[in-house]
């Protein structure tokens, strides 16, 4: 499952703060590990059988390169989506993008 191409995607994600999102799942039709830097299309979402993992780099002065477990825990928000929420686009988007909006200081609540 872990090929040199997939390891390169992971290494690139940890080595640069330019890429904020990493999605990891197993495609049940092809039995291959998928690493994406964007949300899978609806067609691809149908190929996700057992869930997906997401990793979102926080925007608060994240270092260029994540080199330790402490840095990973401090600057990367991660989670796992399983079950019906994968086929429900609303749940998928809110679960993945909710943490991004919570960390965004440019969007302010104006009451």
PDB file of N, CA and C in Angstrom:
ATOM      1  N   UNK A   1       0.804  -1.194   0.000  1.00  0.00           N
ATOM      2  CA  UNK A   1       0.000   0.000   0.000  1.00  0.00           C
ATOM      3  C   UNK A   1       0.850   1.264   0.000  1.00  0.00           C
ATOM      4  N   UNK A   2       1.910   1.281   0.792  1.00  0.00           N
ATOM      5  CA  UNK A   2       2.769   2.461   0.838  1.00  0.00           C
ATOM      6  C   UNK A   2       3.786   2.370  -0.272  1.00  0.00           C
ATOM      7  N   UNK A   3       3.565   3.124  -1.328  1.00  0.00           N
ATOM      8  CA  UNK A   3       4.528   3.185  -2.423  1.00  0.00           C
ATOM      9  C   UNK A   3       5.377   4.438  -2.247  1.00  0.00           C
ATOM     10  N   UNK A   4       6.415   4.550  -3.043  1.00  0.00           N
ATOM     11  CA  UNK A   4       7.275   5.736  -2.946  1.00  0.00           C
ATOM     12  C   UNK A   4       6.497   7.006  -3.297  1.00  0.00           C
ATOM     13  N   UNK A   5       5.536   6.916  -4.213  1.00  0.00           N
ATOM     14  CA  UNK A   5       4.717   8.089  -4.560  1.00  0.00           C
ATOM     15  C   UNK A   5       3.875   8.540  -3.376  1.00  0.00           C
ATOM     16  N   UNK A   6       3.303   7.601  -2.650  1.00  0.00           N
ATOM     17  CA  UNK A   6       2.465   7.955  -1.504  1.00  0.00           C
ATOM     18  C   UNK A   6       3.304   8.496  -0.348  1.00  0.00           C
ATOM     19  N   UNK A   7       4.462   7.912  -0.140  1.00  0.00           N
ATOM     20  CA  UNK A   7       5.367   8.447   0.884  1.00  0.00           C
ATOM     21  C   UNK A   7       5.805   9.865   0.545  1.00  0.00           C
ATOM     22  N   UNK A   8       6.010  10.144  -0.734  1.00  0.00           N
ATOM     23  CA  UNK A   8       6.400  11.488  -1.173  1.00  0.00           C
ATOM     24  C   UNK A   8       5.291  12.494  -0.865  1.00  0.00           C
ATOM     25  N   UNK A   9       4.033  12.117  -1.080  1.00  0.00           N
ATOM     26  CA  UNK A   9       2.910  13.005  -0.767  1.00  0.00           C
ATOM     27  C   UNK A   9       2.902  13.321   0.725  1.00  0.00           C
ATOM     28  N   UNK A  10       3.087  12.300   1.564  1.00  0.00           N
ATOM     29  CA  UNK A  10       3.118  12.499   3.010  1.00  0.00           C
ATOM     30  C   UNK A  10       4.307  13.372   3.432  1.00  0.00           C
ATOM     31  N   UNK A  11       5.469  13.078   2.890  1.00  0.00           N
ATOM     32  CA  UNK A  11       6.657  13.867   3.217  1.00  0.00           C
ATOM     33  C   UNK A  11       6.489  15.325   2.788  1.00  0.00           C
ATOM     34  N   UNK A  12       5.906  15.549   1.610  1.00  0.00           N
ATOM     35  CA  UNK A  12       5.678  16.914   1.129  1.00  0.00           C
ATOM     36  C   UNK A  12       4.713  17.657   2.039  1.00  0.00           C
ATOM     37  N   UNK A  13       3.700  16.962   2.531  1.00  0.00           N
ATOM     38  CA  UNK A  13       2.737  17.594   3.435  1.00  0.00           C
ATOM     39  C   UNK A  13       3.421  18.044   4.733  1.00  0.00           C
ATOM     40  N   UNK A  14       4.256  17.190   5.290  1.00  0.00           N
ATOM     41  CA  UNK A  14       4.939  17.522   6.543  1.00  0.00           C
ATOM     42  C   UNK A  14       6.081  18.515   6.344  1.00  0.00           C
ATOM     43  N   UNK A  15       6.600  18.596   5.127  1.00  0.00           N
ATOM     44  CA  UNK A  15       7.772  19.432   4.873  1.00  0.00           C
ATOM     45  C   UNK A  15       7.440  20.856   4.450  1.00  0.00           C
ATOM     46  N   UNK A  16       6.177  21.155   4.197  1.00  0.00           N
ATOM     47  CA  UNK A  16       5.832  22.494   3.734  1.00  0.00           C
ATOM     48  C   UNK A  16       4.503  22.934   4.320  1.00  0.00           C
ATOM     49  N   UNK A  17       4.467  24.149   4.839  1.00  0.00           N
ATOM     50  CA  UNK A  17       3.212  24.635   5.393  1.00  0.00           C
ATOM     51  C   UNK A  17       2.312  25.247   4.323  1.00  0.00           C
ATOM     52  N   UNK A  18       2.677  25.093   3.059  1.00  0.00           N
ATOM     53  CA  UNK A  18       1.844  25.574   1.961  1.00  0.00           C
ATOM     54  C   UNK A  18       0.646  24.656   1.724  1.00  0.00           C
ATOM     55  N   UNK A  19       0.778  23.387   2.048  1.00  0.00           N
ATOM     56  CA  UNK A  19      -0.308  22.423   1.867  1.00  0.00           C
ATOM     57  C   UNK A  19      -0.997  22.224   3.204  1.00  0.00           C
ATOM     58  N   UNK A  20      -2.263  22.635   3.312  1.00  0.00           N
ATOM     59  CA  UNK A  20      -2.941  22.609   4.607  1.00  0.00           C
ATOM     60  C   UNK A  20      -3.757  21.353   4.849  1.00  0.00           C
ATOM     61  N   UNK A  21      -4.118  20.611   3.807  1.00  0.00           N
ATOM     62  CA  UNK A  21      -5.045  19.498   3.956  1.00  0.00           C
ATOM     63  C   UNK A  21      -4.445  18.224   3.383  1.00  0.00           C
ATOM     64  N   UNK A  22      -4.628  17.123   4.113  1.00  0.00           N
ATOM     65  CA  UNK A  22      -4.254  15.799   3.619  1.00  0.00           C
ATOM     66  C   UNK A  22      -5.385  14.844   3.969  1.00  0.00           C
ATOM     67  N   UNK A  23      -5.902  14.151   2.963  1.00  0.00           N
ATOM     68  CA  UNK A  23      -6.970  13.165   3.130  1.00  0.00           C
ATOM     69  C   UNK A  23      -6.378  11.791   2.831  1.00  0.00           C
ATOM     70  N   UNK A  24      -6.623  10.819   3.707  1.00  0.00           N
ATOM     71  CA  UNK A  24      -6.084   9.466   3.538  1.00  0.00           C
ATOM     72  C   UNK A  24      -7.224   8.463   3.671  1.00  0.00           C
ATOM     73  N   UNK A  25      -7.353   7.587   2.688  1.00  0.00           N
ATOM     74  CA  UNK A  25      -8.366   6.536   2.752  1.00  0.00           C
ATOM     75  C   UNK A  25      -7.971   5.380   1.845  1.00  0.00           C
ATOM     76  N   UNK A  26      -8.646   4.269   2.007  1.00  0.00           N
ATOM     77  CA  UNK A  26      -8.429   3.111   1.148  1.00  0.00           C
ATOM     78  C   UNK A  26      -9.593   3.021   0.174  1.00  0.00           C
ATOM     79  N   UNK A  27      -9.279   2.991  -1.112  1.00  0.00           N
ATOM     80  CA  UNK A  27     -10.287   2.839  -2.145  1.00  0.00           C
ATOM     81  C   UNK A  27     -10.720   1.374  -2.154  1.00  0.00           C
ATOM     82  N   UNK A  28     -11.988   1.124  -1.818  1.00  0.00           N
ATOM     83  CA  UNK A  28     -12.420  -0.265  -1.677  1.00  0.00           C
ATOM     84  C   UNK A  28     -12.550  -0.975  -3.019  1.00  0.00           C
ATOM     85  N   UNK A  29     -12.686  -0.246  -4.116  1.00  0.00           N
ATOM     86  CA  UNK A  29     -12.776  -0.897  -5.438  1.00  0.00           C
ATOM     87  C   UNK A  29     -11.416  -1.381  -5.924  1.00  0.00           C
ATOM     88  N   UNK A  30     -10.385  -0.577  -5.663  1.00  0.00           N
ATOM     89  CA  UNK A  30      -9.050  -0.931  -6.142  1.00  0.00           C
ATOM     90  C   UNK A  30      -8.144  -1.454  -5.043  1.00  0.00           C
ATOM     91  N   UNK A  31      -8.596  -1.378  -3.782  1.00  0.00           N
ATOM     92  CA  UNK A  31      -7.802  -1.788  -2.615  1.00  0.00           C
ATOM     93  C   UNK A  31      -6.464  -1.051  -2.552  1.00  0.00           C
ATOM     94  N   UNK A  32      -6.493   0.224  -2.904  1.00  0.00           N
ATOM     95  CA  UNK A  32      -5.272   1.017  -2.864  1.00  0.00           C
ATOM     96  C   UNK A  32      -5.417   2.145  -1.846  1.00  0.00           C
ATOM     97  N   UNK A  33      -4.306   2.503  -1.258  1.00  0.00           N
ATOM     98  CA  UNK A  33      -4.251   3.621  -0.332  1.00  0.00           C
ATOM     99  C   UNK A  33      -4.255   4.914  -1.142  1.00  0.00           C
ATOM    100  N   UNK A  34      -5.082   5.864  -0.740  1.00  0.00           N
ATOM    101  CA  UNK A  34      -5.179   7.146  -1.435  1.00  0.00           C
ATOM    102  C   UNK A  34      -4.753   8.258  -0.492  1.00  0.00           C
ATOM    103  N   UNK A  35      -3.897   9.137  -0.949  1.00  0.00           N
ATOM    104  CA  UNK A  35      -3.508  10.340  -0.214  1.00  0.00           C
ATOM    105  C   UNK A  35      -3.785  11.513  -1.129  1.00  0.00           C
ATOM    106  N   UNK A  36      -4.668  12.417  -0.688  1.00  0.00           N
ATOM    107  CA  UNK A  36      -5.089  13.544  -1.503  1.00  0.00           C
ATOM    108  C   UNK A  36      -4.875  14.842  -0.746  1.00  0.00           C
ATOM    109  N   UNK A  37      -4.631  15.918  -1.482  1.00  0.00           N
ATOM    110  CA  UNK A  37      -4.504  17.236  -0.874  1.00  0.00           C
ATOM    111  C   UNK A  37      -5.766  18.064  -1.064  1.00  0.00           C
ATOM    112  N   UNK A  38      -6.862  17.389  -1.374  1.00  0.00           N
ATOM    113  CA  UNK A  38      -8.152  18.047  -1.520  1.00  0.00           C
ATOM    114  C   UNK A  38      -9.245  17.047  -1.156  1.00  0.00           C
ATOM    115  N   UNK A  39     -10.444  17.563  -0.974  1.00  0.00           N
ATOM    116  CA  UNK A  39     -11.569  16.692  -0.637  1.00  0.00           C
ATOM    117  C   UNK A  39     -11.906  15.842  -1.850  1.00  0.00           C
ATOM    118  N   UNK A  40     -12.097  14.538  -1.673  1.00  0.00           N
ATOM    119  CA  UNK A  40     -12.407  13.688  -2.820  1.00  0.00           C
ATOM    120  C   UNK A  40     -13.725  14.105  -3.469  1.00  0.00           C
ATOM    121  N   UNK A  41     -13.796  13.923  -4.773  1.00  0.00           N
ATOM    122  CA  UNK A  41     -15.034  14.221  -5.481  1.00  0.00           C
ATOM    123  C   UNK A  41     -16.129  13.266  -5.011  1.00  0.00           C
ATOM    124  N   UNK A  42     -17.365  13.601  -5.339  1.00  0.00           N
ATOM    125  CA  UNK A  42     -18.483  12.756  -4.930  1.00  0.00           C
ATOM    126  C   UNK A  42     -18.347  11.358  -5.500  1.00  0.00           C
ATOM    127  N   UNK A  43     -17.840  11.248  -6.731  1.00  0.00           N
ATOM    128  CA  UNK A  43     -17.628   9.929  -7.337  1.00  0.00           C
ATOM    129  C   UNK A  43     -16.596   9.139  -6.549  1.00  0.00           C
ATOM    130  N   UNK A  44     -15.521   9.808  -6.141  1.00  0.00           N
ATOM    131  CA  UNK A  44     -14.487   9.134  -5.347  1.00  0.00           C
ATOM    132  C   UNK A  44     -15.006   8.786  -3.964  1.00  0.00           C
ATOM    133  N   UNK A  45     -15.881   9.629  -3.417  1.00  0.00           N
ATOM    134  CA  UNK A  45     -16.419   9.373  -2.079  1.00  0.00           C
ATOM    135  C   UNK A  45     -17.202   8.070  -2.045  1.00  0.00           C
ATOM    136  N   UNK A  46     -17.766   7.676  -3.175  1.00  0.00           N
ATOM    137  CA  UNK A  46     -18.485   6.400  -3.226  1.00  0.00           C
ATOM    138  C   UNK A  46     -17.541   5.206  -3.140  1.00  0.00           C
ATOM    139  N   UNK A  47     -16.266   5.421  -3.414  1.00  0.00           N
ATOM    140  CA  UNK A  47     -15.277   4.344  -3.326  1.00  0.00           C
ATOM    141  C   UNK A  47     -14.694   4.188  -1.927  1.00  0.00           C
ATOM    142  N   UNK A  48     -15.080   5.072  -1.021  1.00  0.00           N
ATOM    143  CA  UNK A  48     -14.577   5.011   0.354  1.00  0.00           C
ATOM    144  C   UNK A  48     -15.513   4.114   1.154  1.00  0.00           C
ATOM    145  N   UNK A  49     -14.996   3.010   1.635  1.00  0.00           N
ATOM    146  CA  UNK A  49     -15.843   2.029   2.298  1.00  0.00           C
ATOM    147  C   UNK A  49     -15.704   2.063   3.813  1.00  0.00           C
ATOM    148  N   UNK A  50     -14.508   2.174   4.309  1.00  0.00           N
ATOM    149  CA  UNK A  50     -14.259   2.035   5.747  1.00  0.00           C
ATOM    150  C   UNK A  50     -13.943   3.336   6.456  1.00  0.00           C
ATOM    151  N   UNK A  51     -14.024   4.444   5.772  1.00  0.00           N
ATOM    152  CA  UNK A  51     -13.751   5.715   6.411  1.00  0.00           C
ATOM    153  C   UNK A  51     -12.526   6.382   5.846  1.00  0.00           C
ATOM    154  N   UNK A  52     -12.324   7.606   6.280  1.00  0.00           N
ATOM    155  CA  UNK A  52     -11.140   8.339   5.843  1.00  0.00           C
ATOM    156  C   UNK A  52     -10.556   9.133   6.999  1.00  0.00           C
ATOM    157  N   UNK A  53      -9.276   9.384   6.914  1.00  0.00           N
ATOM    158  CA  UNK A  53      -8.569  10.205   7.894  1.00  0.00           C
ATOM    159  C   UNK A  53      -8.281  11.554   7.254  1.00  0.00           C
ATOM    160  N   UNK A  54      -8.387  12.596   8.053  1.00  0.00           N
ATOM    161  CA  UNK A  54      -8.036  13.916   7.553  1.00  0.00           C
ATOM    162  C   UNK A  54      -7.015  14.556   8.484  1.00  0.00           C
ATOM    163  N   UNK A  55      -6.154  15.348   7.894  1.00  0.00           N
ATOM    164  CA  UNK A  55      -5.131  16.093   8.614  1.00  0.00           C
ATOM    165  C   UNK A  55      -5.190  17.523   8.097  1.00  0.00           C
ATOM    166  N   UNK A  56      -5.370  18.478   9.003  1.00  0.00           N
ATOM    167  CA  UNK A  56      -5.463  19.880   8.631  1.00  0.00           C
ATOM    168  C   UNK A  56      -4.401  20.649   9.412  1.00  0.00           C
ATOM    169  N   UNK A  57      -3.537  21.312   8.679  1.00  0.00           N
ATOM    170  CA  UNK A  57      -2.487  22.108   9.315  1.00  0.00           C
ATOM    171  C   UNK A  57      -3.102  23.413   9.794  1.00  0.00           C
ATOM    172  N   UNK A  58      -2.917  23.709  11.068  1.00  0.00           N
ATOM    173  CA  UNK A  58      -3.430  24.963  11.621  1.00  0.00           C
ATOM    174  C   UNK A  58      -2.702  26.140  10.997  1.00  0.00           C
ATOM    175  N   UNK A  59      -3.366  27.262  10.981  1.00  0.00           N
ATOM    176  CA  UNK A  59      -2.823  28.436  10.309  1.00  0.00           C
ATOM    177  C   UNK A  59      -2.067  29.366  11.252  1.00  0.00           C
ATOM    178  N   UNK A  60      -1.950  29.010  12.499  1.00  0.00           N
ATOM    179  CA  UNK A  60      -1.341  29.913  13.483  1.00  0.00           C
ATOM    180  C   UNK A  60       0.177  29.735  13.569  1.00  0.00           C
ATOM    181  N   UNK A  61       0.868  30.350  12.642  1.00  0.00           N
ATOM    182  CA  UNK A  61       2.328  30.381  12.628  1.00  0.00           C
ATOM    183  C   UNK A  61       2.952  28.989  12.670  1.00  0.00           C
ATOM    184  N   UNK A  62       2.387  28.106  11.897  1.00  0.00           N
ATOM    185  CA  UNK A  62       2.914  26.753  11.782  1.00  0.00           C
ATOM    186  C   UNK A  62       4.326  26.802  11.201  1.00  0.00           C
ATOM    187  N   UNK A  63       5.235  25.980  11.737  1.00  0.00           N
ATOM    188  CA  UNK A  63       6.595  25.982  11.173  1.00  0.00           C
ATOM    189  C   UNK A  63       6.564  25.450   9.735  1.00  0.00           C
ATOM    190  N   UNK A  64       7.579  25.795   8.982  1.00  0.00           N
ATOM    191  CA  UNK A  64       7.659  25.337   7.596  1.00  0.00           C
ATOM    192  C   UNK A  64       7.646  23.808   7.542  1.00  0.00           C
ATOM    193  N   UNK A  65       8.308  23.183   8.491  1.00  0.00           N
ATOM    194  CA  UNK A  65       8.490  21.735   8.466  1.00  0.00           C
ATOM    195  C   UNK A  65       8.095  21.138   9.816  1.00  0.00           C
ATOM    196  N   UNK A  66       7.281  20.087   9.793  1.00  0.00           N
ATOM    197  CA  UNK A  66       6.921  19.359  11.017  1.00  0.00           C
ATOM    198  C   UNK A  66       7.973  18.274  11.212  1.00  0.00           C
ATOM    199  N   UNK A  67       8.732  18.370  12.318  1.00  0.00           N
ATOM    200  CA  UNK A  67       9.848  17.435  12.515  1.00  0.00           C
ATOM    201  C   UNK A  67       9.744  16.609  13.788  1.00  0.00           C
ATOM    202  N   UNK A  68       8.723  16.862  14.597  1.00  0.00           N
ATOM    203  CA  UNK A  68       8.610  16.099  15.843  1.00  0.00           C
ATOM    204  C   UNK A  68       7.146  15.787  16.130  1.00  0.00           C
ATOM    205  N   UNK A  69       6.934  14.849  17.012  1.00  0.00           N
ATOM    206  CA  UNK A  69       5.572  14.497  17.420  1.00  0.00           C
ATOM    207  C   UNK A  69       4.915  15.678  18.113  1.00  0.00           C
ATOM    208  N   UNK A  70       5.671  16.405  18.930  1.00  0.00           N
ATOM    209  CA  UNK A  70       5.112  17.573  19.616  1.00  0.00           C
ATOM    210  C   UNK A  70       4.638  18.624  18.617  1.00  0.00           C
ATOM    211  N   UNK A  71       5.423  18.882  17.567  1.00  0.00           N
ATOM    212  CA  UNK A  71       5.008  19.832  16.536  1.00  0.00           C
ATOM    213  C   UNK A  71       3.772  19.325  15.798  1.00  0.00           C
ATOM    214  N   UNK A  72       3.738  18.038  15.514  1.00  0.00           N
ATOM    215  CA  UNK A  72       2.574  17.459  14.842  1.00  0.00           C
ATOM    216  C   UNK A  72       1.327  17.688  15.688  1.00  0.00           C
ATOM    217  N   UNK A  73       1.393  17.373  16.966  1.00  0.00           N
ATOM    218  CA  UNK A  73       0.236  17.526  17.848  1.00  0.00           C
ATOM    219  C   UNK A  73      -0.155  18.990  18.036  1.00  0.00           C
ATOM    220  N   UNK A  74       0.811  19.890  17.970  1.00  0.00           N
ATOM    221  CA  UNK A  74       0.525  21.307  18.159  1.00  0.00           C
ATOM    222  C   UNK A  74      -0.070  21.951  16.910  1.00  0.00           C
ATOM    223  N   UNK A  75       0.396  21.562  15.722  1.00  0.00           N
ATOM    224  CA  UNK A  75       0.036  22.279  14.502  1.00  0.00           C
ATOM    225  C   UNK A  75      -0.857  21.514  13.529  1.00  0.00           C
ATOM    226  N   UNK A  76      -1.112  20.244  13.779  1.00  0.00           N
ATOM    227  CA  UNK A  76      -1.947  19.457  12.872  1.00  0.00           C
ATOM    228  C   UNK A  76      -3.201  19.010  13.607  1.00  0.00           C
ATOM    229  N   UNK A  77      -4.338  19.337  13.054  1.00  0.00           N
ATOM    230  CA  UNK A  77      -5.616  18.822  13.571  1.00  0.00           C
ATOM    231  C   UNK A  77      -5.957  17.610  12.714  1.00  0.00           C
ATOM    232  N   UNK A  78      -6.370  16.532  13.343  1.00  0.00           N
ATOM    233  CA  UNK A  78      -6.626  15.306  12.594  1.00  0.00           C
ATOM    234  C   UNK A  78      -7.866  14.617  13.132  1.00  0.00           C
ATOM    235  N   UNK A  79      -8.398  13.722  12.327  1.00  0.00           N
ATOM    236  CA  UNK A  79      -9.572  12.984  12.749  1.00  0.00           C
ATOM    237  C   UNK A  79      -9.902  11.880  11.755  1.00  0.00           C
ATOM    238  N   UNK A  80     -10.976  11.189  12.056  1.00  0.00           N
ATOM    239  CA  UNK A  80     -11.401  10.039  11.268  1.00  0.00           C
ATOM    240  C   UNK A  80     -12.905  10.130  11.054  1.00  0.00           C
ATOM    241  N   UNK A  81     -13.339   9.999   9.821  1.00  0.00           N
ATOM    242  CA  UNK A  81     -14.762  10.009   9.493  1.00  0.00           C
ATOM    243  C   UNK A  81     -15.133   8.607   9.046  1.00  0.00           C
ATOM    244  N   UNK A  82     -16.184   8.071   9.635  1.00  0.00           N
ATOM    245  CA  UNK A  82     -16.577   6.706   9.326  1.00  0.00           C
ATOM    246  C   UNK A  82     -18.090   6.638   9.169  1.00  0.00           C
ATOM    247  N   UNK A  83     -18.557   5.711   8.380  1.00  0.00           N
ATOM    248  CA  UNK A  83     -19.985   5.439   8.292  1.00  0.00           C
ATOM    249  C   UNK A  83     -20.726   6.312   7.306  1.00  0.00           C
ATOM    250  N   UNK A  84     -21.964   6.616   7.628  1.00  0.00           N
ATOM    251  CA  UNK A  84     -22.859   7.308   6.720  1.00  0.00           C
ATOM    252  C   UNK A  84     -22.415   8.729   6.398  1.00  0.00           C
ATOM    253  N   UNK A  85     -21.630   9.343   7.246  1.00  0.00           N
ATOM    254  CA  UNK A  85     -21.227  10.725   6.982  1.00  0.00           C
ATOM    255  C   UNK A  85     -20.393  10.847   5.718  1.00  0.00           C
ATOM    256  N   UNK A  86     -19.788   9.757   5.281  1.00  0.00           N
ATOM    257  CA  UNK A  86     -18.992   9.823   4.063  1.00  0.00           C
ATOM    258  C   UNK A  86     -19.892  10.032   2.857  1.00  0.00           C
ATOM    259  N   UNK A  87     -21.014   9.358   2.808  1.00  0.00           N
ATOM    260  CA  UNK A  87     -21.899   9.518   1.669  1.00  0.00           C
ATOM    261  C   UNK A  87     -22.742  10.781   1.767  1.00  0.00           C
ATOM    262  N   UNK A  88     -22.783  11.405   2.915  1.00  0.00           N
ATOM    263  CA  UNK A  88     -23.559  12.630   3.099  1.00  0.00           C
ATOM    264  C   UNK A  88     -22.626  13.823   2.934  1.00  0.00           C
ATOM    265  N   UNK A  89     -22.753  14.525   1.831  1.00  0.00           N
ATOM    266  CA  UNK A  89     -21.839  15.608   1.510  1.00  0.00           C
ATOM    267  C   UNK A  89     -21.841  16.709   2.564  1.00  0.00           C
ATOM    268  N   UNK A  90     -22.990  17.026   3.112  1.00  0.00           N
ATOM    269  CA  UNK A  90     -23.068  18.073   4.128  1.00  0.00           C
ATOM    270  C   UNK A  90     -22.235  17.721   5.347  1.00  0.00           C
ATOM    271  N   UNK A  91     -22.353  16.499   5.817  1.00  0.00           N
ATOM    272  CA  UNK A  91     -21.577  16.081   6.983  1.00  0.00           C
ATOM    273  C   UNK A  91     -20.090  16.061   6.674  1.00  0.00           C
ATOM    274  N   UNK A  92     -19.732  15.600   5.476  1.00  0.00           N
ATOM    275  CA  UNK A  92     -18.325  15.546   5.094  1.00  0.00           C
ATOM    276  C   UNK A  92     -17.712  16.941   5.076  1.00  0.00           C
ATOM    277  N   UNK A  93     -18.381  17.872   4.421  1.00  0.00           N
ATOM    278  CA  UNK A  93     -17.831  19.229   4.309  1.00  0.00           C
ATOM    279  C   UNK A  93     -17.777  19.918   5.672  1.00  0.00           C
ATOM    280  N   UNK A  94     -18.840  19.783   6.468  1.00  0.00           N
ATOM    281  CA  UNK A  94     -18.828  20.455   7.771  1.00  0.00           C
ATOM    282  C   UNK A  94     -17.793  19.850   8.703  1.00  0.00           C
ATOM    283  N   UNK A  95     -17.586  18.545   8.618  1.00  0.00           N
ATOM    284  CA  UNK A  95     -16.586  17.903   9.473  1.00  0.00           C
ATOM    285  C   UNK A  95     -15.183  18.321   9.077  1.00  0.00           C
ATOM    286  N   UNK A  96     -14.931  18.451   7.783  1.00  0.00           N
ATOM    287  CA  UNK A  96     -13.591  18.802   7.329  1.00  0.00           C
ATOM    288  C   UNK A  96     -13.312  20.294   7.403  1.00  0.00           C
ATOM    289  N   UNK A  97     -14.293  21.119   7.047  1.00  0.00           N
ATOM    290  CA  UNK A  97     -14.037  22.549   6.987  1.00  0.00           C
ATOM    291  C   UNK A  97     -14.356  23.276   8.281  1.00  0.00           C
ATOM    292  N   UNK A  98     -15.111  22.674   9.169  1.00  0.00           N
ATOM    293  CA  UNK A  98     -15.395  23.307  10.457  1.00  0.00           C
ATOM    294  C   UNK A  98     -14.133  23.721  11.180  1.00  0.00           C
ATOM    295  N   UNK A  99     -13.150  22.827  11.334  1.00  0.00           N
ATOM    296  CA  UNK A  99     -11.906  23.212  12.019  1.00  0.00           C
ATOM    297  C   UNK A  99     -11.151  24.334  11.302  1.00  0.00           C
ATOM    298  N   UNK A 100     -11.228  24.390   9.974  1.00  0.00           N
ATOM    299  CA  UNK A 100     -10.544  25.464   9.246  1.00  0.00           C
ATOM    300  C   UNK A 100     -11.163  26.817   9.571  1.00  0.00           C
ATOM    301  N   UNK A 101     -12.497  26.884   9.627  1.00  0.00           N
ATOM    302  CA  UNK A 101     -13.167  28.142   9.920  1.00  0.00           C
ATOM    303  C   UNK A 101     -12.993  28.542  11.381  1.00  0.00           C
ATOM    304  N   UNK A 102     -12.910  27.572  12.274  1.00  0.00           N
ATOM    305  CA  UNK A 102     -12.721  27.893  13.684  1.00  0.00           C
ATOM    306  C   UNK A 102     -11.372  28.551  13.926  1.00  0.00           C
ATOM    307  N   UNK A 103     -10.363  28.197  13.135  1.00  0.00           N
ATOM    308  CA  UNK A 103      -9.029  28.772  13.286  1.00  0.00           C
ATOM    309  C   UNK A 103      -8.843  30.061  12.498  1.00  0.00           C
ATOM    310  N   UNK A 104      -9.805  30.426  11.678  1.00  0.00           N
ATOM    311  CA  UNK A 104      -9.684  31.589  10.815  1.00  0.00           C
ATOM    312  C   UNK A 104     -10.015  32.861  11.596  1.00  0.00           C
ATOM    313  N   UNK A 105      -9.023  33.711  11.778  1.00  0.00           N
ATOM    314  CA  UNK A 105      -9.244  34.940  12.551  1.00  0.00           C
ATOM    315  C   UNK A 105      -9.729  36.087  11.668  1.00  0.00           C
ATOM    316  N   UNK A 106      -9.720  35.905  10.338  1.00  0.00           N
ATOM    317  CA  UNK A 106     -10.179  36.967   9.462  1.00  0.00           C
ATOM    318  C   UNK A 106     -11.693  37.029   9.368  1.00  0.00           C
ATOM    319  N   UNK A 107     -12.375  35.923   9.656  1.00  0.00           N
ATOM    320  CA  UNK A 107     -13.831  35.903   9.660  1.00  0.00           C
ATOM    321  C   UNK A 107     -14.277  36.174  11.087  1.00  0.00           C
ATOM    322  N   UNK A 108     -14.968  37.283  11.272  1.00  0.00           N
ATOM    323  CA  UNK A 108     -15.372  37.664  12.617  1.00  0.00           C
ATOM    324  C   UNK A 108     -16.888  37.705  12.711  1.00  0.00           C
ATOM    325  N   UNK A 109     -17.368  37.374  13.857  1.00  0.00           N
ATOM    326  CA  UNK A 109     -18.799  37.436  14.122  1.00  0.00           C
ATOM    327  C   UNK A 109     -19.172  38.888  14.377  1.00  0.00           C
ATOM    328  N   UNK A 110     -20.038  39.417  13.526  1.00  0.00           N
ATOM    329  CA  UNK A 110     -20.456  40.831  13.675  1.00  0.00           C
ATOM    330  C   UNK A 110     -21.894  40.844  14.138  1.00  0.00           C
ATOM    331  N   UNK A 111     -22.098  41.198  15.386  1.00  0.00           N
ATOM    332  CA  UNK A 111     -23.450  41.243  15.966  1.00  0.00           C
ATOM    333  C   UNK A 111     -23.820  42.639  16.328  1.00  0.00           C
TER     334      UNK A 111
END
